[in-house]
Amino acid sequence: MNLEIVEGAEYDFGDIILSETDIIEFAKVFDPLDFHIDKEKAAKTIFKGLIASGPHLFNLIYRKEWIPRFGKTVICGLSVSNWKFLKPVYANQKITATLLVKSIVPDVKMRGNIITWHFEFLNDKSEKMQELDMVVLHRDS
């Protein structure tokens, strides 16, 4: 495999802190539910405040970190699975993003490798906020 990606490799994608404006602007476009876009209505929900849309963290890290590092070798995406929203993400909460290369399976026919990427998002107490697996077919050269 010519990619410099090895099974078991871990990547630290750093910290994410979403502001209220970040949460509202993302949600207006992709997930316009009251608890994502309206502070007063959000305060009356089970969350007791404005929370980020589930896909917001992944979308941000995918665009900002994953694509610049690994995007040039992508043939196509195959799946996103096991996406778990375990705890709500509030404005100004520090979240750390990490990535693990779970598996690499050669695909001779496509002249590439099927890579399973495992994303995790942890709060400052090391509690898991979200996790998901993304399977992507990458070129071998």
C-alpha atoms as a PDB file:
ATOM      1  CA  MET A   1       0.000   0.000   0.000  1.00  0.00           C
ATOM      2  CA  ASN A   2       1.500   3.309  -1.064  1.00  0.00           C
ATOM      3  CA  LEU A   3      -0.624   5.396   1.266  1.00  0.00           C
ATOM      4  CA  GLU A   4       1.167   6.451   4.417  1.00  0.00           C
ATOM      5  CA  ILE A   5      -1.789   5.150   6.424  1.00  0.00           C
ATOM      6  CA  VAL A   6      -1.369   2.112   8.625  1.00  0.00           C
ATOM      7  CA  GLU A   7      -3.889   0.053  10.523  1.00  0.00           C
ATOM      8  CA  GLY A   8      -4.026   1.114  14.158  1.00  0.00           C
ATOM      9  CA  ALA A   9      -2.700   4.623  13.482  1.00  0.00           C
ATOM     10  CA  GLU A  10      -4.275   7.330  15.608  1.00  0.00           C
ATOM     11  CA  TYR A  11      -4.621  10.989  14.722  1.00  0.00           C
ATOM     12  CA  ASP A  12      -5.327  13.885  17.050  1.00  0.00           C
ATOM     13  CA  PHE A  13      -7.458  16.430  15.236  1.00  0.00           C
ATOM     14  CA  GLY A  14      -7.320  18.899  18.108  1.00  0.00           C
ATOM     15  CA  ASP A  15     -10.014  20.762  19.945  1.00  0.00           C
ATOM     16  CA  ILE A  16     -13.294  22.164  18.718  1.00  0.00           C
ATOM     17  CA  ILE A  17     -15.197  24.894  20.498  1.00  0.00           C
ATOM     18  CA  LEU A  18     -18.472  25.864  18.857  1.00  0.00           C
ATOM     19  CA  SER A  19     -19.902  29.280  19.650  1.00  0.00           C
ATOM     20  CA  GLU A  20     -23.637  29.912  19.843  1.00  0.00           C
ATOM     21  CA  THR A  21     -23.348  31.626  16.458  1.00  0.00           C
ATOM     22  CA  ASP A  22     -21.555  28.583  14.977  1.00  0.00           C
ATOM     23  CA  ILE A  23     -24.306  26.277  16.251  1.00  0.00           C
ATOM     24  CA  ILE A  24     -27.152  28.468  15.014  1.00  0.00           C
ATOM     25  CA  GLU A  25     -25.627  29.171  11.578  1.00  0.00           C
ATOM     26  CA  PHE A  26     -24.895  25.498  10.878  1.00  0.00           C
ATOM     27  CA  ALA A  27     -28.339  24.428  12.068  1.00  0.00           C
ATOM     28  CA  LYS A  28     -30.159  27.082  10.031  1.00  0.00           C
ATOM     29  CA  VAL A  29     -28.798  25.418   6.909  1.00  0.00           C
ATOM     30  CA  PHE A  30     -28.669  21.729   7.866  1.00  0.00           C
ATOM     31  CA  ASP A  31     -30.871  21.046  10.910  1.00  0.00           C
ATOM     32  CA  PRO A  32     -33.276  23.908  11.738  1.00  0.00           C
ATOM     33  CA  LEU A  33     -34.809  22.454  14.892  1.00  0.00           C
ATOM     34  CA  ASP A  34     -35.700  24.840  17.711  1.00  0.00           C
ATOM     35  CA  PHE A  35     -33.115  23.463  20.155  1.00  0.00           C
ATOM     36  CA  HIS A  36     -30.391  24.237  17.577  1.00  0.00           C
ATOM     37  CA  ILE A  37     -31.497  27.709  16.453  1.00  0.00           C
ATOM     38  CA  ASP A  38     -33.577  29.379  19.181  1.00  0.00           C
ATOM     39  CA  LYS A  39     -32.010  29.945  22.630  1.00  0.00           C
ATOM     40  CA  GLU A  40     -35.297  30.699  24.372  1.00  0.00           C
ATOM     41  CA  LYS A  41     -37.100  27.653  23.001  1.00  0.00           C
ATOM     42  CA  ALA A  42     -34.025  25.479  23.592  1.00  0.00           C
ATOM     43  CA  ALA A  43     -34.047  26.470  27.276  1.00  0.00           C
ATOM     44  CA  LYS A  44     -37.492  24.831  27.600  1.00  0.00           C
ATOM     45  CA  THR A  45     -36.366  21.454  26.194  1.00  0.00           C
ATOM     46  CA  ILE A  46     -34.822  18.451  27.934  1.00  0.00           C
ATOM     47  CA  PHE A  47     -31.432  19.945  27.004  1.00  0.00           C
ATOM     48  CA  LYS A  48     -32.072  23.184  28.963  1.00  0.00           C
ATOM     49  CA  GLY A  49     -30.159  25.145  26.357  1.00  0.00           C
ATOM     50  CA  LEU A  50     -28.952  25.479  22.808  1.00  0.00           C
ATOM     51  CA  ILE A  51     -27.137  22.401  21.498  1.00  0.00           C
ATOM     52  CA  ALA A  52     -25.185  21.621  18.333  1.00  0.00           C
ATOM     53  CA  SER A  53     -26.739  19.583  15.563  1.00  0.00           C
ATOM     54  CA  GLY A  54     -25.500  15.975  15.661  1.00  0.00           C
ATOM     55  CA  PRO A  55     -23.523  16.119  12.392  1.00  0.00           C
ATOM     56  CA  HIS A  56     -21.907  19.484  13.163  1.00  0.00           C
ATOM     57  CA  LEU A  57     -18.732  18.158  14.842  1.00  0.00           C
ATOM     58  CA  PHE A  58     -18.076  15.513  12.201  1.00  0.00           C
ATOM     59  CA  ASN A  59     -18.793  17.909   9.338  1.00  0.00           C
ATOM     60  CA  LEU A  60     -16.339  20.435  10.720  1.00  0.00           C
ATOM     61  CA  ILE A  61     -13.532  17.925  11.337  1.00  0.00           C
ATOM     62  CA  TYR A  62     -14.157  16.140   8.037  1.00  0.00           C
ATOM     63  CA  ARG A  63     -13.787  19.374   6.062  1.00  0.00           C
ATOM     64  CA  LYS A  64     -11.040  20.979   8.168  1.00  0.00           C
ATOM     65  CA  GLU A  65      -8.813  17.986   8.982  1.00  0.00           C
ATOM     66  CA  TRP A  66      -9.731  14.761   7.180  1.00  0.00           C
ATOM     67  CA  ILE A  67     -10.122  16.010   3.597  1.00  0.00           C
ATOM     68  CA  PRO A  68      -6.826  17.978   3.548  1.00  0.00           C
ATOM     69  CA  ARG A  69      -4.912  14.959   4.899  1.00  0.00           C
ATOM     70  CA  PHE A  70      -6.589  12.035   3.131  1.00  0.00           C
ATOM     71  CA  GLY A  71      -8.966  13.402   0.485  1.00  0.00           C
ATOM     72  CA  LYS A  72      -6.577  13.274  -2.483  1.00  0.00           C
ATOM     73  CA  THR A  73      -6.555   9.459  -2.394  1.00  0.00           C
ATOM     74  CA  VAL A  74     -10.330   8.928  -2.238  1.00  0.00           C
ATOM     75  CA  ILE A  75     -11.995   6.886  -4.965  1.00  0.00           C
ATOM     76  CA  CYS A  76     -15.385   6.908  -3.233  1.00  0.00           C
ATOM     77  CA  GLY A  77     -17.093   6.699   0.126  1.00  0.00           C
ATOM     78  CA  LEU A  78     -18.762   3.395   0.979  1.00  0.00           C
ATOM     79  CA  SER A  79     -20.592   3.946   4.265  1.00  0.00           C
ATOM     80  CA  VAL A  80     -21.033   5.817   7.502  1.00  0.00           C
ATOM     81  CA  SER A  81     -22.235   3.605  10.337  1.00  0.00           C
ATOM     82  CA  ASN A  82     -22.500   3.211  14.082  1.00  0.00           C
ATOM     83  CA  TRP A  83     -22.950   6.969  14.479  1.00  0.00           C
ATOM     84  CA  LYS A  84     -23.822   7.551  18.098  1.00  0.00           C
ATOM     85  CA  PHE A  85     -24.832  10.880  19.608  1.00  0.00           C
ATOM     86  CA  LEU A  86     -24.068  10.056  23.243  1.00  0.00           C
ATOM     87  CA  LYS A  87     -24.203  13.478  24.908  1.00  0.00           C
ATOM     88  CA  PRO A  88     -25.393  16.896  23.744  1.00  0.00           C
ATOM     89  CA  VAL A  89     -22.781  19.432  22.698  1.00  0.00           C
ATOM     90  CA  TYR A  90     -23.298  22.938  24.077  1.00  0.00           C
ATOM     91  CA  ALA A  91     -21.801  26.255  22.986  1.00  0.00           C
ATOM     92  CA  ASN A  92     -18.293  26.991  24.251  1.00  0.00           C
ATOM     93  CA  GLN A  93     -17.749  23.384  25.326  1.00  0.00           C
ATOM     94  CA  LYS A  94     -14.290  22.028  24.488  1.00  0.00           C
ATOM     95  CA  ILE A  95     -14.464  18.843  22.410  1.00  0.00           C
ATOM     96  CA  THR A  96     -11.403  16.868  21.318  1.00  0.00           C
ATOM     97  CA  ALA A  97     -11.539  15.011  17.997  1.00  0.00           C
ATOM     98  CA  THR A  98      -9.559  11.826  17.410  1.00  0.00           C
ATOM     99  CA  LEU A  99      -9.370   9.357  14.557  1.00  0.00           C
ATOM    100  CA  LEU A 100      -8.329   5.701  14.467  1.00  0.00           C
ATOM    101  CA  VAL A 101      -7.571   3.622  11.380  1.00  0.00           C
ATOM    102  CA  LYS A 102      -9.645   0.562  12.336  1.00  0.00           C
ATOM    103  CA  SER A 103      -8.886  -1.580   9.324  1.00  0.00           C
ATOM    104  CA  ILE A 104      -7.333  -1.594   5.860  1.00  0.00           C
ATOM    105  CA  VAL A 105      -8.487  -4.207   3.358  1.00  0.00           C
ATOM    106  CA  PRO A 106      -6.866  -4.358  -0.105  1.00  0.00           C
ATOM    107  CA  ASP A 107      -9.276  -4.255  -3.054  1.00  0.00           C
ATOM    108  CA  VAL A 108      -7.273  -5.639  -5.979  1.00  0.00           C
ATOM    109  CA  LYS A 109     -10.090  -5.147  -8.500  1.00  0.00           C
ATOM    110  CA  MET A 110     -10.350  -1.422  -7.713  1.00  0.00           C
ATOM    111  CA  ARG A 111      -6.568  -1.072  -7.213  1.00  0.00           C
ATOM    112  CA  GLY A 112      -7.098   0.439  -3.824  1.00  0.00           C
ATOM    113  CA  ASN A 113      -7.748  -0.131  -0.170  1.00  0.00           C
ATOM    114  CA  ILE A 114     -10.967  -0.104   1.817  1.00  0.00           C
ATOM    115  CA  ILE A 115     -10.215   1.829   4.984  1.00  0.00           C
ATOM    116  CA  THR A 116     -12.474   1.964   8.023  1.00  0.00           C
ATOM    117  CA  TRP A 117     -11.955   5.202   9.930  1.00  0.00           C
ATOM    118  CA  HIS A 118     -13.261   5.523  13.505  1.00  0.00           C
ATOM    119  CA  PHE A 119     -13.972   9.065  14.703  1.00  0.00           C
ATOM    120  CA  GLU A 120     -14.397   9.935  18.386  1.00  0.00           C
ATOM    121  CA  PHE A 121     -15.318  13.215  20.024  1.00  0.00           C
ATOM    122  CA  LEU A 122     -14.560  13.588  23.745  1.00  0.00           C
ATOM    123  CA  ASN A 123     -15.344  16.345  26.226  1.00  0.00           C
ATOM    124  CA  ASP A 124     -12.805  17.790  28.666  1.00  0.00           C
ATOM    125  CA  LYS A 125     -13.627  14.996  31.153  1.00  0.00           C
ATOM    126  CA  SER A 126     -12.690  12.391  28.488  1.00  0.00           C
ATOM    127  CA  GLU A 127     -16.357  11.379  28.195  1.00  0.00           C
ATOM    128  CA  LYS A 128     -17.335  10.187  24.747  1.00  0.00           C
ATOM    129  CA  MET A 129     -19.764  12.655  23.143  1.00  0.00           C
ATOM    130  CA  GLN A 130     -20.013  11.046  19.713  1.00  0.00           C
ATOM    131  CA  GLU A 131     -18.464   8.293  17.643  1.00  0.00           C
ATOM    132  CA  LEU A 132     -18.868   6.938  14.137  1.00  0.00           C
ATOM    133  CA  ASP A 133     -17.237   4.724  11.525  1.00  0.00           C
ATOM    134  CA  MET A 134     -16.637   5.865   7.958  1.00  0.00           C
ATOM    135  CA  VAL A 135     -15.598   3.377   5.271  1.00  0.00           C
ATOM    136  CA  VAL A 136     -13.809   4.794   2.233  1.00  0.00           C
ATOM    137  CA  LEU A 137     -12.182   3.258  -0.843  1.00  0.00           C
ATOM    138  CA  HIS A 138      -8.774   4.893  -1.368  1.00  0.00           C
ATOM    139  CA  ARG A 139      -6.395   4.708  -4.337  1.00  0.00           C
ATOM    140  CA  ASP A 140      -3.278   2.717  -3.678  1.00  0.00           C
ATOM    141  CA  SER A 141      -0.982   5.162  -5.425  1.00  0.00           C
END
